[in-house]
PDB file of N, CA and C in Angstrom:
ATOM      1  N   UNK A   1      -1.099  15.670  -0.702  1.00  0.00           N
ATOM      2  CA  UNK A   1      -0.831  15.054   0.578  1.00  0.00           C
ATOM      3  C   UNK A   1       0.440  15.688   1.129  1.00  0.00           C
ATOM      4  N   UNK A   2       0.333  16.260   2.292  1.00  0.00           N
ATOM      5  CA  UNK A   2       1.494  16.911   2.886  1.00  0.00           C
ATOM      6  C   UNK A   2       2.433  15.876   3.495  1.00  0.00           C
ATOM      7  N   UNK A   3       3.659  16.288   3.723  1.00  0.00           N
ATOM      8  CA  UNK A   3       4.643  15.411   4.361  1.00  0.00           C
ATOM      9  C   UNK A   3       4.173  15.042   5.769  1.00  0.00           C
ATOM     10  N   UNK A   4       3.500  15.967   6.443  1.00  0.00           N
ATOM     11  CA  UNK A   4       3.009  15.701   7.800  1.00  0.00           C
ATOM     12  C   UNK A   4       1.965  14.580   7.801  1.00  0.00           C
ATOM     13  N   UNK A   5       1.025  14.636   6.869  1.00  0.00           N
ATOM     14  CA  UNK A   5      -0.015  13.598   6.780  1.00  0.00           C
ATOM     15  C   UNK A   5       0.618  12.265   6.423  1.00  0.00           C
ATOM     16  N   UNK A   6       1.531  12.273   5.471  1.00  0.00           N
ATOM     17  CA  UNK A   6       2.220  11.045   5.087  1.00  0.00           C
ATOM     18  C   UNK A   6       2.960  10.453   6.283  1.00  0.00           C
ATOM     19  N   UNK A   7       3.643  11.300   7.051  1.00  0.00           N
ATOM     20  CA  UNK A   7       4.374  10.842   8.234  1.00  0.00           C
ATOM     21  C   UNK A   7       3.433  10.239   9.277  1.00  0.00           C
ATOM     22  N   UNK A   8       2.262  10.867   9.466  1.00  0.00           N
ATOM     23  CA  UNK A   8       1.279  10.337  10.423  1.00  0.00           C
ATOM     24  C   UNK A   8       0.832   8.932  10.030  1.00  0.00           C
ATOM     25  N   UNK A   9       0.521   8.751   8.745  1.00  0.00           N
ATOM     26  CA  UNK A   9       0.034   7.453   8.275  1.00  0.00           C
ATOM     27  C   UNK A   9       1.131   6.386   8.330  1.00  0.00           C
ATOM     28  N   UNK A  10       2.356   6.777   7.987  1.00  0.00           N
ATOM     29  CA  UNK A  10       3.470   5.827   8.055  1.00  0.00           C
ATOM     30  C   UNK A  10       3.738   5.432   9.495  1.00  0.00           C
ATOM     31  N   UNK A  11       3.751   6.416  10.390  1.00  0.00           N
ATOM     32  CA  UNK A  11       4.018   6.131  11.801  1.00  0.00           C
ATOM     33  C   UNK A  11       2.971   5.196  12.396  1.00  0.00           C
ATOM     34  N   UNK A  12       1.727   5.335  11.969  1.00  0.00           N
ATOM     35  CA  UNK A  12       0.650   4.480  12.479  1.00  0.00           C
ATOM     36  C   UNK A  12       0.753   3.078  11.890  1.00  0.00           C
ATOM     37  N   UNK A  13       1.360   2.945  10.725  1.00  0.00           N
ATOM     38  CA  UNK A  13       1.551   1.626  10.118  1.00  0.00           C
ATOM     39  C   UNK A  13       0.390   1.123   9.297  1.00  0.00           C
ATOM     40  N   UNK A  14      -0.627   1.953   9.087  1.00  0.00           N
ATOM     41  CA  UNK A  14      -1.743   1.527   8.267  1.00  0.00           C
ATOM     42  C   UNK A  14      -3.024   2.238   8.620  1.00  0.00           C
ATOM     43  N   UNK A  15      -4.067   1.877   7.897  1.00  0.00           N
ATOM     44  CA  UNK A  15      -5.384   2.499   8.017  1.00  0.00           C
ATOM     45  C   UNK A  15      -6.426   1.400   8.148  1.00  0.00           C
ATOM     46  N   UNK A  16      -7.384   1.582   9.024  1.00  0.00           N
ATOM     47  CA  UNK A  16      -8.489   0.637   9.154  1.00  0.00           C
ATOM     48  C   UNK A  16      -9.521   0.963   8.074  1.00  0.00           C
ATOM     49  N   UNK A  17      -9.936  -0.035   7.341  1.00  0.00           N
ATOM     50  CA  UNK A  17     -10.957   0.156   6.318  1.00  0.00           C
ATOM     51  C   UNK A  17     -11.769  -1.123   6.195  1.00  0.00           C
ATOM     52  N   UNK A  18     -13.046  -0.979   5.947  1.00  0.00           N
ATOM     53  CA  UNK A  18     -13.905  -2.136   5.703  1.00  0.00           C
ATOM     54  C   UNK A  18     -13.518  -2.720   4.344  1.00  0.00           C
ATOM     55  N   UNK A  19     -12.952  -3.916   4.345  1.00  0.00           N
ATOM     56  CA  UNK A  19     -12.458  -4.529   3.111  1.00  0.00           C
ATOM     57  C   UNK A  19     -13.566  -4.775   2.091  1.00  0.00           C
ATOM     58  N   UNK A  20     -14.813  -4.800   2.501  1.00  0.00           N
ATOM     59  CA  UNK A  20     -15.922  -4.967   1.562  1.00  0.00           C
ATOM     60  C   UNK A  20     -16.078  -3.757   0.642  1.00  0.00           C
ATOM     61  N   UNK A  21     -15.512  -2.612   1.035  1.00  0.00           N
ATOM     62  CA  UNK A  21     -15.593  -1.411   0.215  1.00  0.00           C
ATOM     63  C   UNK A  21     -14.578  -1.412  -0.925  1.00  0.00           C
ATOM     64  N   UNK A  22     -13.627  -2.319  -0.840  1.00  0.00           N
ATOM     65  CA  UNK A  22     -12.507  -2.299  -1.774  1.00  0.00           C
ATOM     66  C   UNK A  22     -12.707  -3.274  -2.919  1.00  0.00           C
ATOM     67  N   UNK A  23     -12.502  -2.783  -4.125  1.00  0.00           N
ATOM     68  CA  UNK A  23     -12.567  -3.654  -5.294  1.00  0.00           C
ATOM     69  C   UNK A  23     -11.258  -4.362  -5.541  1.00  0.00           C
ATOM     70  N   UNK A  24     -10.150  -3.764  -5.100  1.00  0.00           N
ATOM     71  CA  UNK A  24      -8.832  -4.317  -5.367  1.00  0.00           C
ATOM     72  C   UNK A  24      -7.999  -4.333  -4.096  1.00  0.00           C
ATOM     73  N   UNK A  25      -7.987  -5.457  -3.412  1.00  0.00           N
ATOM     74  CA  UNK A  25      -7.100  -5.614  -2.270  1.00  0.00           C
ATOM     75  C   UNK A  25      -5.890  -6.376  -2.779  1.00  0.00           C
ATOM     76  N   UNK A  26      -4.718  -5.876  -2.474  1.00  0.00           N
ATOM     77  CA  UNK A  26      -3.510  -6.523  -2.944  1.00  0.00           C
ATOM     78  C   UNK A  26      -2.651  -6.945  -1.765  1.00  0.00           C
ATOM     79  N   UNK A  27      -1.730  -7.823  -2.022  1.00  0.00           N
ATOM     80  CA  UNK A  27      -0.770  -8.248  -1.023  1.00  0.00           C
ATOM     81  C   UNK A  27       0.614  -8.031  -1.608  1.00  0.00           C
ATOM     82  N   UNK A  28       1.470  -7.368  -0.880  1.00  0.00           N
ATOM     83  CA  UNK A  28       2.834  -7.146  -1.345  1.00  0.00           C
ATOM     84  C   UNK A  28       3.516  -8.488  -1.546  1.00  0.00           C
ATOM     85  N   UNK A  29       4.142  -8.683  -2.691  1.00  0.00           N
ATOM     86  CA  UNK A  29       4.840  -9.930  -2.968  1.00  0.00           C
ATOM     87  C   UNK A  29       6.346  -9.781  -2.799  1.00  0.00           C
ATOM     88  N   UNK A  30       6.834  -8.547  -2.838  1.00  0.00           N
ATOM     89  CA  UNK A  30       8.264  -8.338  -2.677  1.00  0.00           C
ATOM     90  C   UNK A  30       8.522  -6.928  -2.178  1.00  0.00           C
ATOM     91  N   UNK A  31       9.735  -6.698  -1.760  1.00  0.00           N
ATOM     92  CA  UNK A  31      10.139  -5.384  -1.306  1.00  0.00           C
ATOM     93  C   UNK A  31       9.649  -5.072   0.085  1.00  0.00           C
ATOM     94  N   UNK A  32       9.881  -3.832   0.532  1.00  0.00           N
ATOM     95  CA  UNK A  32       9.445  -3.451   1.880  1.00  0.00           C
ATOM     96  C   UNK A  32       7.947  -3.653   2.051  1.00  0.00           C
ATOM     97  N   UNK A  33       7.547  -4.221   3.140  1.00  0.00           N
ATOM     98  CA  UNK A  33       6.133  -4.409   3.417  1.00  0.00           C
ATOM     99  C   UNK A  33       5.568  -5.699   2.886  1.00  0.00           C
ATOM    100  N   UNK A  34       6.404  -6.683   2.602  1.00  0.00           N
ATOM    101  CA  UNK A  34       5.921  -7.946   2.057  1.00  0.00           C
ATOM    102  C   UNK A  34       4.848  -8.538   2.969  1.00  0.00           C
ATOM    103  N   UNK A  35       3.757  -8.980   2.374  1.00  0.00           N
ATOM    104  CA  UNK A  35       2.737  -9.702   3.124  1.00  0.00           C
ATOM    105  C   UNK A  35       1.474  -8.963   3.486  1.00  0.00           C
ATOM    106  N   UNK A  36       1.538  -7.746   4.071  1.00  0.00           N
ATOM    107  CA  UNK A  36       0.300  -7.116   4.531  1.00  0.00           C
ATOM    108  C   UNK A  36      -0.644  -6.734   3.380  1.00  0.00           C
ATOM    109  N   UNK A  37      -1.932  -6.731   3.668  1.00  0.00           N
ATOM    110  CA  UNK A  37      -2.915  -6.285   2.682  1.00  0.00           C
ATOM    111  C   UNK A  37      -2.862  -4.762   2.583  1.00  0.00           C
ATOM    112  N   UNK A  38      -3.186  -4.251   1.416  1.00  0.00           N
ATOM    113  CA  UNK A  38      -3.186  -2.812   1.212  1.00  0.00           C
ATOM    114  C   UNK A  38      -4.225  -2.455   0.157  1.00  0.00           C
ATOM    115  N   UNK A  39      -4.436  -1.165  -0.025  1.00  0.00           N
ATOM    116  CA  UNK A  39      -5.348  -0.715  -1.073  1.00  0.00           C
ATOM    117  C   UNK A  39      -4.735   0.494  -1.764  1.00  0.00           C
ATOM    118  N   UNK A  40      -5.172   0.738  -2.980  1.00  0.00           N
ATOM    119  CA  UNK A  40      -4.643   1.840  -3.778  1.00  0.00           C
ATOM    120  C   UNK A  40      -5.564   3.043  -3.664  1.00  0.00           C
ATOM    121  N   UNK A  41      -4.961   4.218  -3.563  1.00  0.00           N
ATOM    122  CA  UNK A  41      -5.754   5.435  -3.485  1.00  0.00           C
ATOM    123  C   UNK A  41      -4.951   6.600  -4.042  1.00  0.00           C
ATOM    124  N   UNK A  42      -5.665   7.674  -4.347  1.00  0.00           N
ATOM    125  CA  UNK A  42      -5.016   8.884  -4.838  1.00  0.00           C
ATOM    126  C   UNK A  42      -5.528  10.056  -4.019  1.00  0.00           C
ATOM    127  N   UNK A  43      -4.602  10.755  -3.372  1.00  0.00           N
ATOM    128  CA  UNK A  43      -4.919  11.927  -2.577  1.00  0.00           C
ATOM    129  C   UNK A  43      -4.155  13.101  -3.177  1.00  0.00           C
ATOM    130  N   UNK A  44      -4.860  14.153  -3.544  1.00  0.00           N
ATOM    131  CA  UNK A  44      -4.264  15.267  -4.272  1.00  0.00           C
ATOM    132  C   UNK A  44      -3.620  14.690  -5.535  1.00  0.00           C
ATOM    133  N   UNK A  45      -2.374  14.946  -5.771  1.00  0.00           N
ATOM    134  CA  UNK A  45      -1.691  14.401  -6.947  1.00  0.00           C
ATOM    135  C   UNK A  45      -0.820  13.202  -6.595  1.00  0.00           C
ATOM    136  N   UNK A  46      -1.008  12.628  -5.410  1.00  0.00           N
ATOM    137  CA  UNK A  46      -0.159  11.540  -4.950  1.00  0.00           C
ATOM    138  C   UNK A  46      -0.920  10.224  -4.919  1.00  0.00           C
ATOM    139  N   UNK A  47      -0.334   9.213  -5.518  1.00  0.00           N
ATOM    140  CA  UNK A  47      -0.891   7.867  -5.424  1.00  0.00           C
ATOM    141  C   UNK A  47      -0.225   7.194  -4.240  1.00  0.00           C
ATOM    142  N   UNK A  48      -1.042   6.622  -3.375  1.00  0.00           N
ATOM    143  CA  UNK A  48      -0.509   5.958  -2.184  1.00  0.00           C
ATOM    144  C   UNK A  48      -1.129   4.575  -2.043  1.00  0.00           C
ATOM    145  N   UNK A  49      -0.461   3.747  -1.290  1.00  0.00           N
ATOM    146  CA  UNK A  49      -0.896   2.371  -1.081  1.00  0.00           C
ATOM    147  C   UNK A  49      -0.854   2.069   0.417  1.00  0.00           C
ATOM    148  N   UNK A  50      -1.846   2.555   1.168  1.00  0.00           N
ATOM    149  CA  UNK A  50      -1.833   2.320   2.616  1.00  0.00           C
ATOM    150  C   UNK A  50      -2.060   0.849   2.952  1.00  0.00           C
ATOM    151  N   UNK A  51      -1.390   0.393   3.981  1.00  0.00           N
ATOM    152  CA  UNK A  51      -1.636  -0.948   4.494  1.00  0.00           C
ATOM    153  C   UNK A  51      -2.962  -0.956   5.235  1.00  0.00           C
ATOM    154  N   UNK A  52      -3.606  -2.105   5.261  1.00  0.00           N
ATOM    155  CA  UNK A  52      -4.830  -2.268   6.044  1.00  0.00           C
ATOM    156  C   UNK A  52      -4.428  -2.758   7.424  1.00  0.00           C
ATOM    157  N   UNK A  53      -4.768  -1.975   8.418  1.00  0.00           N
ATOM    158  CA  UNK A  53      -4.418  -2.290   9.811  1.00  0.00           C
ATOM    159  C   UNK A  53      -5.664  -2.079  10.661  1.00  0.00           C
ATOM    160  N   UNK A  54      -6.289  -3.171  11.048  1.00  0.00           N
ATOM    161  CA  UNK A  54      -7.564  -3.099  11.777  1.00  0.00           C
ATOM    162  C   UNK A  54      -7.467  -2.321  13.090  1.00  0.00           C
ATOM    163  N   UNK A  55      -6.286  -2.305  13.726  1.00  0.00           N
ATOM    164  CA  UNK A  55      -6.143  -1.618  15.009  1.00  0.00           C
ATOM    165  C   UNK A  55      -5.749  -0.150  14.864  1.00  0.00           C
ATOM    166  N   UNK A  56      -5.712   0.365  13.639  1.00  0.00           N
ATOM    167  CA  UNK A  56      -5.295   1.744  13.403  1.00  0.00           C
ATOM    168  C   UNK A  56      -6.286   2.748  13.983  1.00  0.00           C
ATOM    169  N   UNK A  57      -5.749   3.872  14.441  1.00  0.00           N
ATOM    170  CA  UNK A  57      -6.628   4.950  14.905  1.00  0.00           C
ATOM    171  C   UNK A  57      -7.184   5.748  13.733  1.00  0.00           C
ATOM    172  N   UNK A  58      -6.633   5.536  12.533  1.00  0.00           N
ATOM    173  CA  UNK A  58      -7.128   6.186  11.326  1.00  0.00           C
ATOM    174  C   UNK A  58      -8.093   5.252  10.612  1.00  0.00           C
ATOM    175  N   UNK A  59      -9.243   5.775  10.250  1.00  0.00           N
ATOM    176  CA  UNK A  59     -10.281   4.969   9.617  1.00  0.00           C
ATOM    177  C   UNK A  59     -10.603   5.565   8.250  1.00  0.00           C
ATOM    178  N   UNK A  60     -10.545   4.719   7.226  1.00  0.00           N
ATOM    179  CA  UNK A  60     -10.895   5.139   5.869  1.00  0.00           C
ATOM    180  C   UNK A  60     -12.311   4.682   5.568  1.00  0.00           C
ATOM    181  N   UNK A  61     -13.078   5.546   4.947  1.00  0.00           N
ATOM    182  CA  UNK A  61     -14.457   5.223   4.581  1.00  0.00           C
ATOM    183  C   UNK A  61     -14.771   5.902   3.257  1.00  0.00           C
ATOM    184  N   UNK A  62     -15.797   5.398   2.606  1.00  0.00           N
ATOM    185  CA  UNK A  62     -16.258   6.024   1.374  1.00  0.00           C
ATOM    186  C   UNK A  62     -17.365   7.012   1.693  1.00  0.00           C
ATOM    187  N   UNK A  63     -17.266   8.185   1.106  1.00  0.00           N
ATOM    188  CA  UNK A  63     -18.330   9.183   1.172  1.00  0.00           C
ATOM    189  C   UNK A  63     -18.612   9.572  -0.267  1.00  0.00           C
ATOM    190  N   UNK A  64     -19.701   9.036  -0.816  1.00  0.00           N
ATOM    191  CA  UNK A  64     -19.967   9.209  -2.236  1.00  0.00           C
ATOM    192  C   UNK A  64     -18.920   8.444  -3.018  1.00  0.00           C
ATOM    193  N   UNK A  65     -18.208   9.126  -3.904  1.00  0.00           N
ATOM    194  CA  UNK A  65     -17.158   8.456  -4.669  1.00  0.00           C
ATOM    195  C   UNK A  65     -15.763   8.812  -4.149  1.00  0.00           C
ATOM    196  N   UNK A  66     -15.696   9.378  -2.948  1.00  0.00           N
ATOM    197  CA  UNK A  66     -14.410   9.761  -2.379  1.00  0.00           C
ATOM    198  C   UNK A  66     -14.046   8.882  -1.186  1.00  0.00           C
ATOM    199  N   UNK A  67     -12.752   8.672  -1.020  1.00  0.00           N
ATOM    200  CA  UNK A  67     -12.226   7.989   0.155  1.00  0.00           C
ATOM    201  C   UNK A  67     -11.796   9.063   1.149  1.00  0.00           C
ATOM    202  N   UNK A  68     -12.227   8.910   2.395  1.00  0.00           N
ATOM    203  CA  UNK A  68     -11.894   9.889   3.426  1.00  0.00           C
ATOM    204  C   UNK A  68     -11.224   9.144   4.577  1.00  0.00           C
ATOM    205  N   UNK A  69     -10.073   9.654   5.003  1.00  0.00           N
ATOM    206  CA  UNK A  69      -9.387   9.086   6.163  1.00  0.00           C
ATOM    207  C   UNK A  69      -9.584  10.049   7.314  1.00  0.00           C
ATOM    208  N   UNK A  70     -10.054   9.509   8.436  1.00  0.00           N
ATOM    209  CA  UNK A  70     -10.341  10.312   9.628  1.00  0.00           C
ATOM    210  C   UNK A  70      -9.642   9.737  10.848  1.00  0.00           C
ATOM    211  N   UNK A  71      -9.395  10.618  11.790  1.00  0.00           N
ATOM    212  CA  UNK A  71      -9.003  10.221  13.148  1.00  0.00           C
ATOM    213  C   UNK A  71     -10.142  10.717  14.034  1.00  0.00           C
ATOM    214  N   UNK A  72     -10.974   9.790  14.464  1.00  0.00           N
ATOM    215  CA  UNK A  72     -12.191  10.189  15.162  1.00  0.00           C
ATOM    216  C   UNK A  72     -13.077  10.951  14.201  1.00  0.00           C
ATOM    217  N   UNK A  73     -13.488  12.164  14.570  1.00  0.00           N
ATOM    218  CA  UNK A  73     -14.326  12.990  13.685  1.00  0.00           C
ATOM    219  C   UNK A  73     -13.503  13.923  12.808  1.00  0.00           C
ATOM    220  N   UNK A  74     -12.193  14.011  13.079  1.00  0.00           N
ATOM    221  CA  UNK A  74     -11.318  14.931  12.340  1.00  0.00           C
ATOM    222  C   UNK A  74     -10.906  14.324  10.999  1.00  0.00           C
ATOM    223  N   UNK A  75     -11.199  15.031   9.918  1.00  0.00           N
ATOM    224  CA  UNK A  75     -10.793  14.586   8.593  1.00  0.00           C
ATOM    225  C   UNK A  75      -9.303  14.830   8.405  1.00  0.00           C
ATOM    226  N   UNK A  76      -8.583  13.764   8.023  1.00  0.00           N
ATOM    227  CA  UNK A  76      -7.151  13.869   7.777  1.00  0.00           C
ATOM    228  C   UNK A  76      -6.896  14.204   6.312  1.00  0.00           C
ATOM    229  N   UNK A  77      -7.553  13.448   5.415  1.00  0.00           N
ATOM    230  CA  UNK A  77      -7.353  13.655   3.977  1.00  0.00           C
ATOM    231  C   UNK A  77      -8.523  13.058   3.206  1.00  0.00           C
ATOM    232  N   UNK A  78      -8.751  13.598   2.017  1.00  0.00           N
ATOM    233  CA  UNK A  78      -9.849  13.148   1.156  1.00  0.00           C
ATOM    234  C   UNK A  78      -9.289  12.913  -0.238  1.00  0.00           C
ATOM    235  N   UNK A  79      -9.694  11.789  -0.855  1.00  0.00           N
ATOM    236  CA  UNK A  79      -9.223  11.453  -2.195  1.00  0.00           C
ATOM    237  C   UNK A  79     -10.143  10.433  -2.825  1.00  0.00           C
ATOM    238  N   UNK A  80      -9.556   9.479  -3.563  1.00  0.00           N
ATOM    239  CA  UNK A  80     -10.387   8.440  -4.172  1.00  0.00           C
ATOM    240  C   UNK A  80      -9.638   7.123  -4.208  1.00  0.00           C
ATOM    241  N   UNK A  81     -10.405   6.037  -4.190  1.00  0.00           N
ATOM    242  CA  UNK A  81      -9.828   4.705  -4.327  1.00  0.00           C
ATOM    243  C   UNK A  81      -9.508   4.457  -5.792  1.00  0.00           C
ATOM    244  N   UNK A  82      -8.503   3.628  -6.043  1.00  0.00           N
ATOM    245  CA  UNK A  82      -8.139   3.275  -7.411  1.00  0.00           C
ATOM    246  C   UNK A  82      -8.012   1.764  -7.525  1.00  0.00           C
ATOM    247  N   UNK A  83      -8.316   1.258  -8.713  1.00  0.00           N
ATOM    248  CA  UNK A  83      -8.079  -0.150  -8.980  1.00  0.00           C
ATOM    249  C   UNK A  83      -6.585  -0.379  -9.098  1.00  0.00           C
ATOM    250  N   UNK A  84      -6.141  -1.550  -8.716  1.00  0.00           N
ATOM    251  CA  UNK A  84      -4.718  -1.868  -8.734  1.00  0.00           C
ATOM    252  C   UNK A  84      -4.111  -1.697 -10.121  1.00  0.00           C
ATOM    253  N   UNK A  85      -4.828  -2.103 -11.156  1.00  0.00           N
ATOM    254  CA  UNK A  85      -4.250  -2.050 -12.497  1.00  0.00           C
ATOM    255  C   UNK A  85      -4.130  -0.632 -13.051  1.00  0.00           C
ATOM    256  N   UNK A  86      -4.781   0.352 -12.449  1.00  0.00           N
ATOM    257  CA  UNK A  86      -4.649   1.732 -12.916  1.00  0.00           C
ATOM    258  C   UNK A  86      -3.763   2.558 -12.004  1.00  0.00           C
ATOM    259  N   UNK A  87      -3.276   1.964 -10.946  1.00  0.00           N
ATOM    260  CA  UNK A  87      -2.511   2.709  -9.952  1.00  0.00           C
ATOM    261  C   UNK A  87      -1.169   3.221 -10.502  1.00  0.00           C
ATOM    262  N   UNK A  88      -0.507   2.442 -11.307  1.00  0.00           N
ATOM    263  CA  UNK A  88       0.801   2.833 -11.863  1.00  0.00           C
ATOM    264  C   UNK A  88       0.748   2.792 -13.377  1.00  0.00           C
ATOM    265  N   UNK A  89       0.071   3.752 -13.992  1.00  0.00           N
ATOM    266  CA  UNK A  89      -0.067   3.719 -15.457  1.00  0.00           C
ATOM    267  C   UNK A  89       1.284   3.849 -16.151  1.00  0.00           C
ATOM    268  N   UNK A  90       1.395   3.171 -17.289  1.00  0.00           N
ATOM    269  CA  UNK A  90       2.585   3.218 -18.131  1.00  0.00           C
ATOM    270  C   UNK A  90       3.830   2.672 -17.441  1.00  0.00           C
ATOM    271  N   UNK A  91       3.657   1.820 -16.450  1.00  0.00           N
ATOM    272  CA  UNK A  91       4.804   1.228 -15.774  1.00  0.00           C
ATOM    273  C   UNK A  91       4.657  -0.277 -15.775  1.00  0.00           C
ATOM    274  N   UNK A  92       5.781  -0.935 -15.862  1.00  0.00           N
ATOM    275  CA  UNK A  92       5.805  -2.397 -15.763  1.00  0.00           C
ATOM    276  C   UNK A  92       6.965  -2.775 -14.856  1.00  0.00           C
ATOM    277  N   UNK A  93       6.769  -3.819 -14.096  1.00  0.00           N
ATOM    278  CA  UNK A  93       7.796  -4.283 -13.169  1.00  0.00           C
ATOM    279  C   UNK A  93       8.047  -5.760 -13.416  1.00  0.00           C
ATOM    280  N   UNK A  94       9.308  -6.113 -13.453  1.00  0.00           N
ATOM    281  CA  UNK A  94       9.691  -7.507 -13.592  1.00  0.00           C
ATOM    282  C   UNK A  94      10.542  -7.851 -12.382  1.00  0.00           C
ATOM    283  N   UNK A  95      10.055  -8.746 -11.563  1.00  0.00           N
ATOM    284  CA  UNK A  95      10.800  -9.170 -10.384  1.00  0.00           C
ATOM    285  C   UNK A  95      11.755 -10.292 -10.785  1.00  0.00           C
ATOM    286  N   UNK A  96      13.032 -10.002 -10.768  1.00  0.00           N
ATOM    287  CA  UNK A  96      14.048 -10.973 -11.149  1.00  0.00           C
ATOM    288  C   UNK A  96      14.495 -11.764  -9.926  1.00  0.00           C
ATOM    289  N   UNK A  97      14.479 -11.112  -8.791  1.00  0.00           N
ATOM    290  CA  UNK A  97      14.962 -11.731  -7.569  1.00  0.00           C
ATOM    291  C   UNK A  97      13.944 -11.506  -6.458  1.00  0.00           C
ATOM    292  N   UNK A  98      13.930 -12.407  -5.519  1.00  0.00           N
ATOM    293  CA  UNK A  98      13.085 -12.232  -4.338  1.00  0.00           C
ATOM    294  C   UNK A  98      13.876 -11.571  -3.214  1.00  0.00           C
ATOM    295  N   UNK A  99      15.094 -11.130  -3.542  1.00  0.00           N
ATOM    296  CA  UNK A  99      15.933 -10.456  -2.565  1.00  0.00           C
ATOM    297  C   UNK A  99      15.588  -8.977  -2.511  1.00  0.00           C
ATOM    298  N   UNK A 100      15.968  -8.340  -1.434  1.00  0.00           N
ATOM    299  CA  UNK A 100      15.802  -6.904  -1.303  1.00  0.00           C
ATOM    300  C   UNK A 100      17.163  -6.331  -0.915  1.00  0.00           C
ATOM    301  N   UNK A 101      17.585  -5.259  -1.583  1.00  0.00           N
ATOM    302  CA  UNK A 101      18.887  -4.666  -1.323  1.00  0.00           C
ATOM    303  C   UNK A 101      18.848  -3.694  -0.141  1.00  0.00           C
ATOM    304  N   UNK A 102      17.667  -3.396   0.356  1.00  0.00           N
ATOM    305  CA  UNK A 102      17.536  -2.492   1.487  1.00  0.00           C
ATOM    306  C   UNK A 102      17.518  -3.275   2.785  1.00  0.00           C
ATOM    307  N   UNK A 103      17.838  -2.607   3.869  1.00  0.00           N
ATOM    308  CA  UNK A 103      17.823  -3.247   5.180  1.00  0.00           C
ATOM    309  C   UNK A 103      16.958  -2.418   6.125  1.00  0.00           C
ATOM    310  N   UNK A 104      15.704  -2.206   5.715  1.00  0.00           N
ATOM    311  CA  UNK A 104      14.783  -1.417   6.530  1.00  0.00           C
ATOM    312  C   UNK A 104      14.513  -2.153   7.842  1.00  0.00           C
ATOM    313  N   UNK A 105      14.644  -1.454   8.926  1.00  0.00           N
ATOM    314  CA  UNK A 105      14.506  -2.082  10.247  1.00  0.00           C
ATOM    315  C   UNK A 105      13.092  -2.563  10.532  1.00  0.00           C
ATOM    316  N   UNK A 106      12.096  -1.999   9.882  1.00  0.00           N
ATOM    317  CA  UNK A 106      10.701  -2.369  10.112  1.00  0.00           C
ATOM    318  C   UNK A 106      10.226  -3.495   9.209  1.00  0.00           C
ATOM    319  N   UNK A 107      11.051  -3.917   8.252  1.00  0.00           N
ATOM    320  CA  UNK A 107      10.607  -4.832   7.208  1.00  0.00           C
ATOM    321  C   UNK A 107      11.066  -6.265   7.456  1.00  0.00           C
ATOM    322  N   UNK A 108      10.147  -7.232   7.358  1.00  0.00           N
ATOM    323  CA  UNK A 108      10.518  -8.634   7.566  1.00  0.00           C
ATOM    324  C   UNK A 108      11.138  -9.287   6.328  1.00  0.00           C
ATOM    325  N   UNK A 109      11.144  -8.615   5.199  1.00  0.00           N
ATOM    326  CA  UNK A 109      11.563  -9.234   3.947  1.00  0.00           C
ATOM    327  C   UNK A 109      12.975  -9.834   3.993  1.00  0.00           C
ATOM    328  N   UNK A 110      13.993  -9.139   4.549  1.00  0.00           N
ATOM    329  CA  UNK A 110      15.329  -9.736   4.574  1.00  0.00           C
ATOM    330  C   UNK A 110      15.403 -11.040   5.370  1.00  0.00           C
ATOM    331  N   UNK A 111      14.434 -11.284   6.227  1.00  0.00           N
ATOM    332  CA  UNK A 111      14.428 -12.514   7.027  1.00  0.00           C
ATOM    333  C   UNK A 111      13.888 -13.710   6.248  1.00  0.00           C
ATOM    334  N   UNK A 112      13.244 -13.464   5.122  1.00  0.00           N
ATOM    335  CA  UNK A 112      12.664 -14.534   4.319  1.00  0.00           C
ATOM    336  C   UNK A 112      13.714 -15.147   3.407  1.00  0.00           C
ATOM    337  N   UNK A 113      13.547 -16.418   3.104  1.00  0.00           N
ATOM    338  CA  UNK A 113      14.465 -17.085   2.195  1.00  0.00           C
ATOM    339  C   UNK A 113      14.265 -16.513   0.790  1.00  0.00           C
ATOM    340  N   UNK A 114      15.349 -16.062   0.176  1.00  0.00           N
ATOM    341  CA  UNK A 114      15.260 -15.422  -1.134  1.00  0.00           C
ATOM    342  C   UNK A 114      15.886 -16.304  -2.212  1.00  0.00           C
ATOM    343  N   UNK A 115      15.387 -16.153  -3.420  1.00  0.00           N
ATOM    344  CA  UNK A 115      15.968 -16.871  -4.553  1.00  0.00           C
ATOM    345  C   UNK A 115      15.918 -15.959  -5.767  1.00  0.00           C
ATOM    346  N   UNK A 116      16.757 -16.260  -6.752  1.00  0.00           N
ATOM    347  CA  UNK A 116      16.761 -15.527  -8.008  1.00  0.00           C
ATOM    348  C   UNK A 116      16.082 -16.385  -9.059  1.00  0.00           C
ATOM    349  N   UNK A 117      15.197 -15.766  -9.836  1.00  0.00           N
ATOM    350  CA  UNK A 117      14.461 -16.513 -10.879  1.00  0.00           C
ATOM    351  C   UNK A 117      15.402 -16.917 -12.016  1.00  0.00           C
ATOM    352  N   UNK A 118      15.057 -18.032 -12.624  1.00  0.00           N
ATOM    353  CA  UNK A 118      15.837 -18.485 -13.780  1.00  0.00           C
ATOM    354  C   UNK A 118      15.456 -17.647 -14.999  1.00  0.00           C
ATOM    355  N   UNK A 119      16.288 -17.704 -16.030  1.00  0.00           N
ATOM    356  CA  UNK A 119      16.011 -16.978 -17.265  1.00  0.00           C
ATOM    357  C   UNK A 119      14.676 -17.409 -17.853  1.00  0.00           C
ATOM    358  N   UNK A 120      14.368 -18.693 -17.818  1.00  0.00           N
ATOM    359  CA  UNK A 120      13.099 -19.202 -18.363  1.00  0.00           C
ATOM    360  C   UNK A 120      11.910 -18.627 -17.598  1.00  0.00           C
ATOM    361  N   UNK A 121      12.015 -18.526 -16.275  1.00  0.00           N
ATOM    362  CA  UNK A 121      10.935 -17.947 -15.481  1.00  0.00           C
ATOM    363  C   UNK A 121      10.698 -16.474 -15.843  1.00  0.00           C
ATOM    364  N   UNK A 122      11.770 -15.740 -16.060  1.00  0.00           N
ATOM    365  CA  UNK A 122      11.662 -14.328 -16.388  1.00  0.00           C
ATOM    366  C   UNK A 122      11.071 -14.128 -17.774  1.00  0.00           C
ATOM    367  N   UNK A 123      11.438 -14.986 -18.716  1.00  0.00           N
ATOM    368  CA  UNK A 123      10.954 -14.865 -20.096  1.00  0.00           C
ATOM    369  C   UNK A 123       9.468 -15.161 -20.231  1.00  0.00           C
ATOM    370  N   UNK A 124       8.892 -15.897 -19.292  1.00  0.00           N
ATOM    371  CA  UNK A 124       7.464 -16.212 -19.354  1.00  0.00           C
ATOM    372  C   UNK A 124       6.711 -14.942 -19.211  1.00  0.00           C
TER     373      UNK A 124
END
């Protein structure tokens, strides 16, 4: 995935896709992008998690076992969908706080009420 393609998708804010095609729809629980639905995919050697945006000019569809993102008839990129649990192999994340240290101008997360988990909550 080139930087240009990544920039196009980020600038658009998401990709339109028929949610019935997806086995794993996730919702961000923390960090930048909290709330919107997204799906996991791999394009070239890059794993990406595009947001689902019904009004996007980019449309993702399945062609055989590949995911293809198009703008009209023009193919932008071709790859494959991934299940959420295989998207980040050999990685584990523990959310200790609901706070975010970043102040991204596009992200609503800093506006949400944040709390820090107790030791007992983390140990579970």
